[in-house]
Amino acid sequence: MSPDQLRIAPTTDAADGRERQRRSIRHAQAQLAAFVRSSADDVAEAAHAAEAALRSALSSGAGVERVSAELEVSPRALRAIADGSVPLRSLHPDDRLRFS
């Protein structure tokens, strides 16, 4: 690798990492929106997909505070959903869909 390539590589890697984090957070945002719109037919699947997307966003390296801020979810709630201590389905806006 030439000296120029060495100077560029870390910047490119960091930029790639930030882009992966942004994509992961956007995906979590989309999955949360789908969960909120879900019906009785797809609430379980939507909740599972949103929980997985939240865990993925948190493991992307973005950090709890950043993911929390971008999703407008408190860090404490985000951690509780991600670790499974609070099932996302229990937070559905339609009371009838909170529990099966």
PDB file of N, CA and C in Angstrom:
ATOM      1  N   MET A   1       0.839  -1.179   0.000  1.00  0.00           N
ATOM      2  CA  MET A   1       0.000   0.000   0.000  1.00  0.00           C
ATOM      3  C   MET A   1       0.884   1.241   0.000  1.00  0.00           C
ATOM      4  N   SER A   2       0.532   2.208  -0.812  1.00  0.00           N
ATOM      5  CA  SER A   2       1.324   3.429  -0.877  1.00  0.00           C
ATOM      6  C   SER A   2       1.004   4.315   0.330  1.00  0.00           C
ATOM      7  N   PRO A   3       1.859   5.278   0.632  1.00  0.00           N
ATOM      8  CA  PRO A   3       1.582   6.192   1.747  1.00  0.00           C
ATOM      9  C   PRO A   3       0.246   6.925   1.577  1.00  0.00           C
ATOM     10  N   ASP A   4      -0.107   7.260   0.340  1.00  0.00           N
ATOM     11  CA  ASP A   4      -1.394   7.919   0.108  1.00  0.00           C
ATOM     12  C   ASP A   4      -2.556   7.001   0.450  1.00  0.00           C
ATOM     13  N   GLN A   5      -2.454   5.743   0.097  1.00  0.00           N
ATOM     14  CA  GLN A   5      -3.509   4.788   0.401  1.00  0.00           C
ATOM     15  C   GLN A   5      -3.644   4.588   1.907  1.00  0.00           C
ATOM     16  N   LEU A   6      -2.526   4.596   2.615  1.00  0.00           N
ATOM     17  CA  LEU A   6      -2.569   4.435   4.060  1.00  0.00           C
ATOM     18  C   LEU A   6      -3.285   5.601   4.730  1.00  0.00           C
ATOM     19  N   ARG A   7      -3.084   6.801   4.200  1.00  0.00           N
ATOM     20  CA  ARG A   7      -3.755   7.969   4.780  1.00  0.00           C
ATOM     21  C   ARG A   7      -5.254   7.945   4.495  1.00  0.00           C
ATOM     22  N   ILE A   8      -5.657   7.424   3.368  1.00  0.00           N
ATOM     23  CA  ILE A   8      -7.060   7.418   2.968  1.00  0.00           C
ATOM     24  C   ILE A   8      -7.830   6.277   3.615  1.00  0.00           C
ATOM     25  N   ALA A   9      -7.235   5.130   3.777  1.00  0.00           N
ATOM     26  CA  ALA A   9      -7.928   3.942   4.258  1.00  0.00           C
ATOM     27  C   ALA A   9      -8.648   4.141   5.592  1.00  0.00           C
ATOM     28  N   PRO A  10      -8.012   4.674   6.644  1.00  0.00           N
ATOM     29  CA  PRO A  10      -8.730   4.831   7.912  1.00  0.00           C
ATOM     30  C   PRO A  10      -9.943   5.756   7.785  1.00  0.00           C
ATOM     31  N   THR A  11      -9.809   6.800   7.002  1.00  0.00           N
ATOM     32  CA  THR A  11     -10.923   7.711   6.808  1.00  0.00           C
ATOM     33  C   THR A  11     -12.059   7.004   6.099  1.00  0.00           C
ATOM     34  N   THR A  12     -11.737   6.219   5.091  1.00  0.00           N
ATOM     35  CA  THR A  12     -12.751   5.473   4.353  1.00  0.00           C
ATOM     36  C   THR A  12     -13.412   4.447   5.262  1.00  0.00           C
ATOM     37  N   ASP A  13     -12.617   3.737   6.059  1.00  0.00           N
ATOM     38  CA  ASP A  13     -13.178   2.758   6.983  1.00  0.00           C
ATOM     39  C   ASP A  13     -14.113   3.420   7.982  1.00  0.00           C
ATOM     40  N   ALA A  14     -13.709   4.560   8.521  1.00  0.00           N
ATOM     41  CA  ALA A  14     -14.551   5.276   9.473  1.00  0.00           C
ATOM     42  C   ALA A  14     -15.833   5.748   8.807  1.00  0.00           C
ATOM     43  N   ALA A  15     -15.731   6.255   7.587  1.00  0.00           N
ATOM     44  CA  ALA A  15     -16.913   6.709   6.856  1.00  0.00           C
ATOM     45  C   ALA A  15     -17.839   5.535   6.562  1.00  0.00           C
ATOM     46  N   ASP A  16     -17.267   4.398   6.188  1.00  0.00           N
ATOM     47  CA  ASP A  16     -18.079   3.201   5.946  1.00  0.00           C
ATOM     48  C   ASP A  16     -18.796   2.771   7.218  1.00  0.00           C
ATOM     49  N   GLY A  17     -18.103   2.840   8.337  1.00  0.00           N
ATOM     50  CA  GLY A  17     -18.707   2.478   9.618  1.00  0.00           C
ATOM     51  C   GLY A  17     -19.851   3.399   9.986  1.00  0.00           C
ATOM     52  N   ARG A  18     -19.663   4.690   9.781  1.00  0.00           N
ATOM     53  CA  ARG A  18     -20.744   5.651  10.075  1.00  0.00           C
ATOM     54  C   ARG A  18     -21.936   5.419   9.165  1.00  0.00           C
ATOM     55  N   GLU A  19     -21.661   5.094   7.905  1.00  0.00           N
ATOM     56  CA  GLU A  19     -22.759   4.819   6.962  1.00  0.00           C
ATOM     57  C   GLU A  19     -23.517   3.557   7.369  1.00  0.00           C
ATOM     58  N   ARG A  20     -22.808   2.529   7.799  1.00  0.00           N
ATOM     59  CA  ARG A  20     -23.474   1.314   8.285  1.00  0.00           C
ATOM     60  C   ARG A  20     -24.337   1.625   9.494  1.00  0.00           C
ATOM     61  N   GLN A  21     -23.831   2.474  10.386  1.00  0.00           N
ATOM     62  CA  GLN A  21     -24.608   2.867  11.557  1.00  0.00           C
ATOM     63  C   GLN A  21     -25.877   3.615  11.132  1.00  0.00           C
ATOM     64  N   ARG A  22     -25.726   4.550  10.206  1.00  0.00           N
ATOM     65  CA  ARG A  22     -26.899   5.308   9.725  1.00  0.00           C
ATOM     66  C   ARG A  22     -27.935   4.388   9.098  1.00  0.00           C
ATOM     67  N   ARG A  23     -27.474   3.459   8.266  1.00  0.00           N
ATOM     68  CA  ARG A  23     -28.408   2.514   7.636  1.00  0.00           C
ATOM     69  C   ARG A  23     -29.103   1.657   8.681  1.00  0.00           C
ATOM     70  N   SER A  24     -28.361   1.218   9.665  1.00  0.00           N
ATOM     71  CA  SER A  24     -28.921   0.379  10.716  1.00  0.00           C
ATOM     72  C   SER A  24     -29.975   1.151  11.524  1.00  0.00           C
ATOM     73  N   ILE A  25     -29.687   2.390  11.828  1.00  0.00           N
ATOM     74  CA  ILE A  25     -30.642   3.215  12.575  1.00  0.00           C
ATOM     75  C   ILE A  25     -31.879   3.501  11.728  1.00  0.00           C
ATOM     76  N   ARG A  26     -31.691   3.810  10.441  1.00  0.00           N
ATOM     77  CA  ARG A  26     -32.840   4.052   9.553  1.00  0.00           C
ATOM     78  C   ARG A  26     -33.708   2.796   9.435  1.00  0.00           C
ATOM     79  N   HIS A  27     -33.061   1.636   9.371  1.00  0.00           N
ATOM     80  CA  HIS A  27     -33.809   0.388   9.296  1.00  0.00           C
ATOM     81  C   HIS A  27     -34.632   0.181  10.578  1.00  0.00           C
ATOM     82  N   ALA A  28     -34.024   0.446  11.712  1.00  0.00           N
ATOM     83  CA  ALA A  28     -34.746   0.328  12.984  1.00  0.00           C
ATOM     84  C   ALA A  28     -35.926   1.295  13.017  1.00  0.00           C
ATOM     85  N   GLN A  29     -35.715   2.492  12.511  1.00  0.00           N
ATOM     86  CA  GLN A  29     -36.782   3.486  12.464  1.00  0.00           C
ATOM     87  C   GLN A  29     -37.941   2.980  11.602  1.00  0.00           C
ATOM     88  N   ALA A  30     -37.635   2.416  10.458  1.00  0.00           N
ATOM     89  CA  ALA A  30     -38.668   1.887   9.562  1.00  0.00           C
ATOM     90  C   ALA A  30     -39.401   0.706  10.202  1.00  0.00           C
ATOM     91  N   GLN A  31     -38.661  -0.157  10.885  1.00  0.00           N
ATOM     92  CA  GLN A  31     -39.287  -1.307  11.532  1.00  0.00           C
ATOM     93  C   GLN A  31     -40.171  -0.885  12.702  1.00  0.00           C
ATOM     94  N   LEU A  32     -39.745   0.130  13.437  1.00  0.00           N
ATOM     95  CA  LEU A  32     -40.593   0.645  14.518  1.00  0.00           C
ATOM     96  C   LEU A  32     -41.873   1.250  13.963  1.00  0.00           C
ATOM     97  N   ALA A  33     -41.757   1.980  12.863  1.00  0.00           N
ATOM     98  CA  ALA A  33     -42.944   2.571  12.233  1.00  0.00           C
ATOM     99  C   ALA A  33     -43.894   1.473  11.756  1.00  0.00           C
ATOM    100  N   ALA A  34     -43.351   0.410  11.178  1.00  0.00           N
ATOM    101  CA  ALA A  34     -44.186  -0.713  10.733  1.00  0.00           C
ATOM    102  C   ALA A  34     -44.866  -1.375  11.923  1.00  0.00           C
ATOM    103  N   PHE A  35     -44.155  -1.484  13.034  1.00  0.00           N
ATOM    104  CA  PHE A  35     -44.750  -2.057  14.243  1.00  0.00           C
ATOM    105  C   PHE A  35     -45.921  -1.202  14.718  1.00  0.00           C
ATOM    106  N   VAL A  36     -45.756   0.100  14.742  1.00  0.00           N
ATOM    107  CA  VAL A  36     -46.819   0.997  15.200  1.00  0.00           C
ATOM    108  C   VAL A  36     -48.047   0.890  14.293  1.00  0.00           C
ATOM    109  N   ARG A  37     -47.826   0.679  13.000  1.00  0.00           N
ATOM    110  CA  ARG A  37     -48.935   0.554  12.041  1.00  0.00           C
ATOM    111  C   ARG A  37     -49.513  -0.856  11.977  1.00  0.00           C
ATOM    112  N   SER A  38     -48.887  -1.801  12.649  1.00  0.00           N
ATOM    113  CA  SER A  38     -49.276  -3.204  12.507  1.00  0.00           C
ATOM    114  C   SER A  38     -50.696  -3.464  13.000  1.00  0.00           C
ATOM    115  N   SER A  39     -51.259  -4.543  12.446  1.00  0.00           N
ATOM    116  CA  SER A  39     -52.612  -4.968  12.813  1.00  0.00           C
ATOM    117  C   SER A  39     -52.528  -6.293  13.552  1.00  0.00           C
ATOM    118  N   ALA A  40     -53.672  -6.817  13.931  1.00  0.00           N
ATOM    119  CA  ALA A  40     -53.703  -8.088  14.646  1.00  0.00           C
ATOM    120  C   ALA A  40     -53.062  -9.205  13.826  1.00  0.00           C
ATOM    121  N   ASP A  41     -53.158  -9.103  12.510  1.00  0.00           N
ATOM    122  CA  ASP A  41     -52.608 -10.141  11.637  1.00  0.00           C
ATOM    123  C   ASP A  41     -51.083 -10.187  11.622  1.00  0.00           C
ATOM    124  N   ASP A  42     -50.446  -9.050  11.841  1.00  0.00           N
ATOM    125  CA  ASP A  42     -48.982  -9.023  11.699  1.00  0.00           C
ATOM    126  C   ASP A  42     -48.242  -8.393  12.878  1.00  0.00           C
ATOM    127  N   VAL A  43     -48.920  -8.173  13.990  1.00  0.00           N
ATOM    128  CA  VAL A  43     -48.273  -7.501  15.125  1.00  0.00           C
ATOM    129  C   VAL A  43     -47.108  -8.312  15.700  1.00  0.00           C
ATOM    130  N   ALA A  44     -47.253  -9.612  15.800  1.00  0.00           N
ATOM    131  CA  ALA A  44     -46.173 -10.429  16.380  1.00  0.00           C
ATOM    132  C   ALA A  44     -44.927 -10.374  15.499  1.00  0.00           C
ATOM    133  N   GLU A  45     -45.125 -10.528  14.197  1.00  0.00           N
ATOM    134  CA  GLU A  45     -43.997 -10.469  13.264  1.00  0.00           C
ATOM    135  C   GLU A  45     -43.364  -9.075  13.250  1.00  0.00           C
ATOM    136  N   ALA A  46     -44.199  -8.037  13.273  1.00  0.00           N
ATOM    137  CA  ALA A  46     -43.686  -6.662  13.260  1.00  0.00           C
ATOM    138  C   ALA A  46     -42.904  -6.362  14.532  1.00  0.00           C
ATOM    139  N   ALA A  47     -43.396  -6.836  15.662  1.00  0.00           N
ATOM    140  CA  ALA A  47     -42.693  -6.612  16.932  1.00  0.00           C
ATOM    141  C   ALA A  47     -41.336  -7.308  16.912  1.00  0.00           C
ATOM    142  N   HIS A  48     -41.318  -8.546  16.436  1.00  0.00           N
ATOM    143  CA  HIS A  48     -40.066  -9.303  16.371  1.00  0.00           C
ATOM    144  C   HIS A  48     -39.066  -8.601  15.448  1.00  0.00           C
ATOM    145  N   ALA A  49     -39.530  -8.165  14.285  1.00  0.00           N
ATOM    146  CA  ALA A  49     -38.637  -7.489  13.328  1.00  0.00           C
ATOM    147  C   ALA A  49     -38.101  -6.185  13.901  1.00  0.00           C
ATOM    148  N   ALA A  50     -38.953  -5.436  14.592  1.00  0.00           N
ATOM    149  CA  ALA A  50     -38.518  -4.163  15.177  1.00  0.00           C
ATOM    150  C   ALA A  50     -37.511  -4.396  16.306  1.00  0.00           C
ATOM    151  N   GLU A  51     -37.763  -5.395  17.137  1.00  0.00           N
ATOM    152  CA  GLU A  51     -36.812  -5.702  18.213  1.00  0.00           C
ATOM    153  C   GLU A  51     -35.453  -6.094  17.641  1.00  0.00           C
ATOM    154  N   ALA A  52     -35.467  -6.908  16.605  1.00  0.00           N
ATOM    155  CA  ALA A  52     -34.205  -7.325  15.969  1.00  0.00           C
ATOM    156  C   ALA A  52     -33.489  -6.122  15.369  1.00  0.00           C
ATOM    157  N   ALA A  53     -34.239  -5.228  14.745  1.00  0.00           N
ATOM    158  CA  ALA A  53     -33.638  -4.035  14.146  1.00  0.00           C
ATOM    159  C   ALA A  53     -33.054  -3.113  15.219  1.00  0.00           C
ATOM    160  N   LEU A  54     -33.715  -3.009  16.353  1.00  0.00           N
ATOM    161  CA  LEU A  54     -33.184  -2.198  17.451  1.00  0.00           C
ATOM    162  C   LEU A  54     -31.875  -2.788  17.962  1.00  0.00           C
ATOM    163  N   ARG A  55     -31.848  -4.088  18.150  1.00  0.00           N
ATOM    164  CA  ARG A  55     -30.607  -4.737  18.608  1.00  0.00           C
ATOM    165  C   ARG A  55     -29.488  -4.539  17.584  1.00  0.00           C
ATOM    166  N   SER A  56     -29.829  -4.625  16.317  1.00  0.00           N
ATOM    167  CA  SER A  56     -28.835  -4.426  15.263  1.00  0.00           C
ATOM    168  C   SER A  56     -28.298  -2.997  15.271  1.00  0.00           C
ATOM    169  N   ALA A  57     -29.183  -2.033  15.449  1.00  0.00           N
ATOM    170  CA  ALA A  57     -28.750  -0.630  15.506  1.00  0.00           C
ATOM    171  C   ALA A  57     -27.810  -0.415  16.689  1.00  0.00           C
ATOM    172  N   LEU A  58     -28.143  -1.018  17.819  1.00  0.00           N
ATOM    173  CA  LEU A  58     -27.290  -0.863  19.002  1.00  0.00           C
ATOM    174  C   LEU A  58     -25.948  -1.556  18.824  1.00  0.00           C
ATOM    175  N   SER A  59     -25.927  -2.665  18.108  1.00  0.00           N
ATOM    176  CA  SER A  59     -24.663  -3.384  17.919  1.00  0.00           C
ATOM    177  C   SER A  59     -23.851  -2.827  16.746  1.00  0.00           C
ATOM    178  N   SER A  60     -24.382  -1.828  16.056  1.00  0.00           N
ATOM    179  CA  SER A  60     -23.671  -1.242  14.917  1.00  0.00           C
ATOM    180  C   SER A  60     -22.504  -0.365  15.346  1.00  0.00           C
ATOM    181  N   GLY A  61     -22.436  -0.056  16.633  1.00  0.00           N
ATOM    182  CA  GLY A  61     -21.382   0.802  17.126  1.00  0.00           C
ATOM    183  C   GLY A  61     -21.817   2.250  17.285  1.00  0.00           C
ATOM    184  N   ALA A  62     -23.072   2.531  16.989  1.00  0.00           N
ATOM    185  CA  ALA A  62     -23.569   3.906  17.060  1.00  0.00           C
ATOM    186  C   ALA A  62     -23.708   4.393  18.506  1.00  0.00           C
ATOM    187  N   GLY A  63     -23.889   3.496  19.435  1.00  0.00           N
ATOM    188  CA  GLY A  63     -24.035   3.881  20.836  1.00  0.00           C
ATOM    189  C   GLY A  63     -25.487   4.128  21.206  1.00  0.00           C
ATOM    190  N   VAL A  64     -25.815   3.812  22.431  1.00  0.00           N
ATOM    191  CA  VAL A  64     -27.193   3.928  22.921  1.00  0.00           C
ATOM    192  C   VAL A  64     -27.710   5.356  22.822  1.00  0.00           C
ATOM    193  N   GLU A  65     -26.897   6.310  23.198  1.00  0.00           N
ATOM    194  CA  GLU A  65     -27.357   7.708  23.200  1.00  0.00           C
ATOM    195  C   GLU A  65     -27.715   8.178  21.790  1.00  0.00           C
ATOM    196  N   ARG A  66     -26.888   7.851  20.819  1.00  0.00           N
ATOM    197  CA  ARG A  66     -27.171   8.275  19.437  1.00  0.00           C
ATOM    198  C   ARG A  66     -28.405   7.582  18.881  1.00  0.00           C
ATOM    199  N   VAL A  67     -28.485   6.262  19.072  1.00  0.00           N
ATOM    200  CA  VAL A  67     -29.652   5.524  18.574  1.00  0.00           C
ATOM    201  C   VAL A  67     -30.908   6.044  19.252  1.00  0.00           C
ATOM    202  N   SER A  68     -30.825   6.246  20.530  1.00  0.00           N
ATOM    203  CA  SER A  68     -31.946   6.769  21.301  1.00  0.00           C
ATOM    204  C   SER A  68     -32.409   8.126  20.767  1.00  0.00           C
ATOM    205  N   ALA A  69     -31.472   9.006  20.538  1.00  0.00           N
ATOM    206  CA  ALA A  69     -31.812  10.350  20.050  1.00  0.00           C
ATOM    207  C   ALA A  69     -32.438  10.296  18.661  1.00  0.00           C
ATOM    208  N   GLU A  70     -31.857   9.492  17.776  1.00  0.00           N
ATOM    209  CA  GLU A  70     -32.370   9.444  16.410  1.00  0.00           C
ATOM    210  C   GLU A  70     -33.726   8.758  16.318  1.00  0.00           C
ATOM    211  N   LEU A  71     -33.997   7.820  17.215  1.00  0.00           N
ATOM    212  CA  LEU A  71     -35.283   7.128  17.203  1.00  0.00           C
ATOM    213  C   LEU A  71     -36.310   7.793  18.113  1.00  0.00           C
ATOM    214  N   GLU A  72     -35.856   8.782  18.877  1.00  0.00           N
ATOM    215  CA  GLU A  72     -36.713   9.484  19.831  1.00  0.00           C
ATOM    216  C   GLU A  72     -37.329   8.508  20.845  1.00  0.00           C
ATOM    217  N   VAL A  73     -36.457   7.652  21.373  1.00  0.00           N
ATOM    218  CA  VAL A  73     -36.812   6.670  22.389  1.00  0.00           C
ATOM    219  C   VAL A  73     -35.817   6.855  23.527  1.00  0.00           C
ATOM    220  N   SER A  74     -36.291   6.818  24.748  1.00  0.00           N
ATOM    221  CA  SER A  74     -35.367   7.026  25.857  1.00  0.00           C
ATOM    222  C   SER A  74     -34.321   5.916  25.895  1.00  0.00           C
ATOM    223  N   PRO A  75     -33.100   6.248  26.320  1.00  0.00           N
ATOM    224  CA  PRO A  75     -32.054   5.220  26.399  1.00  0.00           C
ATOM    225  C   PRO A  75     -32.469   4.043  27.291  1.00  0.00           C
ATOM    226  N   ARG A  76     -33.135   4.337  28.375  1.00  0.00           N
ATOM    227  CA  ARG A  76     -33.564   3.288  29.301  1.00  0.00           C
ATOM    228  C   ARG A  76     -34.572   2.351  28.625  1.00  0.00           C
ATOM    229  N   ALA A  77     -35.545   2.928  27.920  1.00  0.00           N
ATOM    230  CA  ALA A  77     -36.538   2.113  27.219  1.00  0.00           C
ATOM    231  C   ALA A  77     -35.874   1.306  26.107  1.00  0.00           C
ATOM    232  N   LEU A  78     -34.965   1.923  25.392  1.00  0.00           N
ATOM    233  CA  LEU A  78     -34.260   1.245  24.308  1.00  0.00           C
ATOM    234  C   LEU A  78     -33.496   0.033  24.834  1.00  0.00           C
ATOM    235  N   ARG A  79     -32.789   0.215  25.921  1.00  0.00           N
ATOM    236  CA  ARG A  79     -32.050  -0.905  26.528  1.00  0.00           C
ATOM    237  C   ARG A  79     -33.000  -2.015  26.968  1.00  0.00           C
ATOM    238  N   ALA A  80     -34.131  -1.630  27.593  1.00  0.00           N
ATOM    239  CA  ALA A  80     -35.087  -2.621  28.099  1.00  0.00           C
ATOM    240  C   ALA A  80     -35.709  -3.431  26.961  1.00  0.00           C
ATOM    241  N   ILE A  81     -36.006  -2.778  25.854  1.00  0.00           N
ATOM    242  CA  ILE A  81     -36.561  -3.488  24.695  1.00  0.00           C
ATOM    243  C   ILE A  81     -35.497  -4.389  24.092  1.00  0.00           C
ATOM    244  N   ALA A  82     -34.298  -3.873  23.933  1.00  0.00           N
ATOM    245  CA  ALA A  82     -33.214  -4.639  23.306  1.00  0.00           C
ATOM    246  C   ALA A  82     -32.815  -5.862  24.129  1.00  0.00           C
ATOM    247  N   ASP A  83     -32.831  -5.739  25.449  1.00  0.00           N
ATOM    248  CA  ASP A  83     -32.430  -6.895  26.267  1.00  0.00           C
ATOM    249  C   ASP A  83     -33.592  -7.834  26.574  1.00  0.00           C
ATOM    250  N   GLY A  84     -34.787  -7.478  26.113  1.00  0.00           N
ATOM    251  CA  GLY A  84     -35.946  -8.353  26.256  1.00  0.00           C
ATOM    252  C   GLY A  84     -36.696  -8.222  27.557  1.00  0.00           C
ATOM    253  N   SER A  85     -36.257  -7.336  28.448  1.00  0.00           N
ATOM    254  CA  SER A  85     -36.968  -7.203  29.716  1.00  0.00           C
ATOM    255  C   SER A  85     -38.326  -6.510  29.546  1.00  0.00           C
ATOM    256  N   VAL A  86     -38.493  -5.759  28.459  1.00  0.00           N
ATOM    257  CA  VAL A  86     -39.787  -5.176  28.115  1.00  0.00           C
ATOM    258  C   VAL A  86     -40.092  -5.573  26.673  1.00  0.00           C
ATOM    259  N   PRO A  87     -41.072  -6.471  26.485  1.00  0.00           N
ATOM    260  CA  PRO A  87     -41.423  -6.849  25.118  1.00  0.00           C
ATOM    261  C   PRO A  87     -42.005  -5.648  24.365  1.00  0.00           C
ATOM    262  N   LEU A  88     -41.516  -5.400  23.179  1.00  0.00           N
ATOM    263  CA  LEU A  88     -42.001  -4.268  22.398  1.00  0.00           C
ATOM    264  C   LEU A  88     -43.510  -4.336  22.210  1.00  0.00           C
ATOM    265  N   ARG A  89     -44.019  -5.530  22.007  1.00  0.00           N
ATOM    266  CA  ARG A  89     -45.464  -5.674  21.788  1.00  0.00           C
ATOM    267  C   ARG A  89     -46.273  -5.082  22.939  1.00  0.00           C
ATOM    268  N   SER A  90     -45.753  -5.123  24.139  1.00  0.00           N
ATOM    269  CA  SER A  90     -46.477  -4.573  25.295  1.00  0.00           C
ATOM    270  C   SER A  90     -46.604  -3.055  25.224  1.00  0.00           C
ATOM    271  N   LEU A  91     -45.917  -2.439  24.267  1.00  0.00           N
ATOM    272  CA  LEU A  91     -45.958  -0.985  24.107  1.00  0.00           C
ATOM    273  C   LEU A  91     -46.764  -0.550  22.882  1.00  0.00           C
ATOM    274  N   HIS A  92     -47.441  -1.495  22.239  1.00  0.00           N
ATOM    275  CA  HIS A  92     -48.203  -1.163  21.023  1.00  0.00           C
ATOM    276  C   HIS A  92     -49.254  -0.098  21.355  1.00  0.00           C
ATOM    277  N   PRO A  93     -49.435   0.881  20.463  1.00  0.00           N
ATOM    278  CA  PRO A  93     -50.402   1.955  20.733  1.00  0.00           C
ATOM    279  C   PRO A  93     -51.854   1.476  20.796  1.00  0.00           C
ATOM    280  N   ASP A  94     -52.168   0.342  20.188  1.00  0.00           N
ATOM    281  CA  ASP A  94     -53.521  -0.221  20.247  1.00  0.00           C
ATOM    282  C   ASP A  94     -53.566  -1.222  21.398  1.00  0.00           C
ATOM    283  N   ASP A  95     -54.258  -0.861  22.461  1.00  0.00           N
ATOM    284  CA  ASP A  95     -54.328  -1.718  23.646  1.00  0.00           C
ATOM    285  C   ASP A  95     -54.719  -3.160  23.332  1.00  0.00           C
ATOM    286  N   ARG A  96     -55.571  -3.350  22.345  1.00  0.00           N
ATOM    287  CA  ARG A  96     -56.040  -4.693  22.001  1.00  0.00           C
ATOM    288  C   ARG A  96     -54.940  -5.577  21.435  1.00  0.00           C
ATOM    289  N   LEU A  97     -53.853  -4.966  20.940  1.00  0.00           N
ATOM    290  CA  LEU A  97     -52.780  -5.742  20.316  1.00  0.00           C
ATOM    291  C   LEU A  97     -51.568  -5.925  21.230  1.00  0.00           C
ATOM    292  N   ARG A  98     -51.661  -5.450  22.434  1.00  0.00           N
ATOM    293  CA  ARG A  98     -50.493  -5.518  23.323  1.00  0.00           C
ATOM    294  C   ARG A  98     -50.169  -6.931  23.762  1.00  0.00           C
ATOM    295  N   PHE A  99     -51.168  -7.746  23.993  1.00  0.00           N
ATOM    296  CA  PHE A  99     -50.902  -9.099  24.461  1.00  0.00           C
ATOM    297  C   PHE A  99     -51.758 -10.062  23.667  1.00  0.00           C
ATOM    298  N   SER A 100     -51.221 -11.231  23.432  1.00  0.00           N
ATOM    299  CA  SER A 100     -51.982 -12.219  22.649  1.00  0.00           C
ATOM    300  C   SER A 100     -52.795 -13.112  23.552  1.00  0.00           C
TER     301      SER A 100
END
